[in-house]
Amino acid sequence: MPTAQSLLLEELKKRIQLSEDELLGFVQLWESRSYKRNEVIMAAGEVPKFSLFVGQGCLRQYSTSEAGEESIV
């Protein structure tokens, strides 16, 4: 199974042209994290302090109305 780092490198190569050294340097700045199912990564109103790359699984972004109804964004 590919690592998150190798998947990120693969996606970067598809979208931008950088030397191998530049790509590896960029990827080394990323920190790999795992989250549990249904874990909240960022709460409403929070200012993002990082970028996300999903290597495995999926990510759901949603908002909740005052009535408590969820809407996928």
C-alpha atoms as a PDB file:
ATOM      1  CA  MET A   1       0.000   0.000   0.000  1.00  0.00           C
ATOM      2  CA  PRO A   2       1.431   3.418  -0.947  1.00  0.00           C
ATOM      3  CA  THR A   3       2.310   5.837   1.826  1.00  0.00           C
ATOM      4  CA  ALA A   4       0.614   9.233   2.193  1.00  0.00           C
ATOM      5  CA  GLN A   5       3.937  10.839   1.233  1.00  0.00           C
ATOM      6  CA  SER A   6       4.229   8.821  -1.988  1.00  0.00           C
ATOM      7  CA  LEU A   7       0.597   9.628  -2.895  1.00  0.00           C
ATOM      8  CA  LEU A   8       1.231  13.340  -2.313  1.00  0.00           C
ATOM      9  CA  LEU A   9       4.360  13.198  -4.503  1.00  0.00           C
ATOM     10  CA  GLU A  10       2.380  11.443  -7.238  1.00  0.00           C
ATOM     11  CA  GLU A  11      -0.353  14.100  -7.203  1.00  0.00           C
ATOM     12  CA  LEU A  12       2.156  16.968  -7.198  1.00  0.00           C
ATOM     13  CA  LYS A  13       3.959  15.508 -10.217  1.00  0.00           C
ATOM     14  CA  LYS A  14       0.656  15.427 -12.131  1.00  0.00           C
ATOM     15  CA  ARG A  15      -0.067  19.090 -11.459  1.00  0.00           C
ATOM     16  CA  ILE A  16       3.207  21.024 -11.283  1.00  0.00           C
ATOM     17  CA  GLN A  17       6.720  20.770 -12.665  1.00  0.00           C
ATOM     18  CA  LEU A  18       9.465  20.811 -10.051  1.00  0.00           C
ATOM     19  CA  SER A  19      12.817  19.091  -9.820  1.00  0.00           C
ATOM     20  CA  GLU A  20      13.002  15.906  -7.735  1.00  0.00           C
ATOM     21  CA  ASP A  21      14.947  17.829  -5.062  1.00  0.00           C
ATOM     22  CA  GLU A  22      12.253  20.540  -4.922  1.00  0.00           C
ATOM     23  CA  LEU A  23       9.463  17.960  -4.713  1.00  0.00           C
ATOM     24  CA  LEU A  24      11.190  16.001  -1.955  1.00  0.00           C
ATOM     25  CA  GLY A  25      11.944  19.211  -0.050  1.00  0.00           C
ATOM     26  CA  PHE A  26       8.300  20.254  -0.242  1.00  0.00           C
ATOM     27  CA  VAL A  27       6.967  16.866   0.826  1.00  0.00           C
ATOM     28  CA  GLN A  28       9.347  16.786   3.799  1.00  0.00           C
ATOM     29  CA  LEU A  29       7.610  19.912   5.142  1.00  0.00           C
ATOM     30  CA  TRP A  30       4.352  17.942   5.472  1.00  0.00           C
ATOM     31  CA  GLU A  31       3.452  16.163   8.670  1.00  0.00           C
ATOM     32  CA  SER A  32       1.492  12.939   8.347  1.00  0.00           C
ATOM     33  CA  ARG A  33      -1.494  12.574  10.686  1.00  0.00           C
ATOM     34  CA  SER A  34      -4.223  10.004  11.100  1.00  0.00           C
ATOM     35  CA  TYR A  35      -7.766  10.748  12.193  1.00  0.00           C
ATOM     36  CA  LYS A  36     -10.464   8.464  13.479  1.00  0.00           C
ATOM     37  CA  ARG A  37     -13.794   8.058  11.716  1.00  0.00           C
ATOM     38  CA  ASN A  38     -16.155  10.982  12.523  1.00  0.00           C
ATOM     39  CA  GLU A  39     -13.373  12.919  14.276  1.00  0.00           C
ATOM     40  CA  VAL A  40     -13.779  16.681  13.887  1.00  0.00           C
ATOM     41  CA  ILE A  41     -10.612  18.112  12.358  1.00  0.00           C
ATOM     42  CA  MET A  42     -11.687  21.747  12.349  1.00  0.00           C
ATOM     43  CA  ALA A  43     -14.675  23.401  14.018  1.00  0.00           C
ATOM     44  CA  ALA A  44     -16.892  26.073  12.487  1.00  0.00           C
ATOM     45  CA  GLY A  45     -15.340  29.525  12.654  1.00  0.00           C
ATOM     46  CA  GLU A  46     -11.816  28.187  13.128  1.00  0.00           C
ATOM     47  CA  VAL A  47      -9.128  29.692  10.916  1.00  0.00           C
ATOM     48  CA  PRO A  48      -7.213  26.922   9.102  1.00  0.00           C
ATOM     49  CA  LYS A  49      -3.580  26.658  10.179  1.00  0.00           C
ATOM     50  CA  PHE A  50      -2.710  23.834   7.825  1.00  0.00           C
ATOM     51  CA  SER A  51      -3.580  22.236   4.503  1.00  0.00           C
ATOM     52  CA  LEU A  52      -4.931  18.734   4.113  1.00  0.00           C
ATOM     53  CA  PHE A  53      -4.109  15.968   1.695  1.00  0.00           C
ATOM     54  CA  VAL A  54      -6.236  12.842   2.117  1.00  0.00           C
ATOM     55  CA  GLY A  55      -4.112   9.786   1.391  1.00  0.00           C
ATOM     56  CA  GLN A  56      -6.689   7.188   2.383  1.00  0.00           C
ATOM     57  CA  GLY A  57     -10.392   7.387   3.134  1.00  0.00           C
ATOM     58  CA  CYS A  58     -12.494  10.478   2.610  1.00  0.00           C
ATOM     59  CA  LEU A  59     -13.155  13.839   4.183  1.00  0.00           C
ATOM     60  CA  ARG A  60     -16.584  15.400   4.651  1.00  0.00           C
ATOM     61  CA  GLN A  61     -17.083  19.137   4.992  1.00  0.00           C
ATOM     62  CA  TYR A  62     -20.458  20.262   6.218  1.00  0.00           C
ATOM     63  CA  SER A  63     -22.305  23.067   7.951  1.00  0.00           C
ATOM     64  CA  THR A  64     -25.038  22.760  10.569  1.00  0.00           C
ATOM     65  CA  SER A  65     -28.113  24.989  10.529  1.00  0.00           C
ATOM     66  CA  GLU A  66     -29.607  26.512  13.668  1.00  0.00           C
ATOM     67  CA  ALA A  67     -32.214  23.724  13.521  1.00  0.00           C
ATOM     68  CA  GLY A  68     -29.387  21.156  13.716  1.00  0.00           C
ATOM     69  CA  GLU A  69     -29.629  19.977  10.094  1.00  0.00           C
ATOM     70  CA  GLU A  70     -26.353  19.143   8.360  1.00  0.00           C
ATOM     71  CA  SER A  71     -25.637  20.313   4.816  1.00  0.00           C
ATOM     72  CA  ILE A  72     -22.633  18.957   2.943  1.00  0.00           C
ATOM     73  CA  VAL A  73     -20.619  21.841   1.507  1.00  0.00           C
END
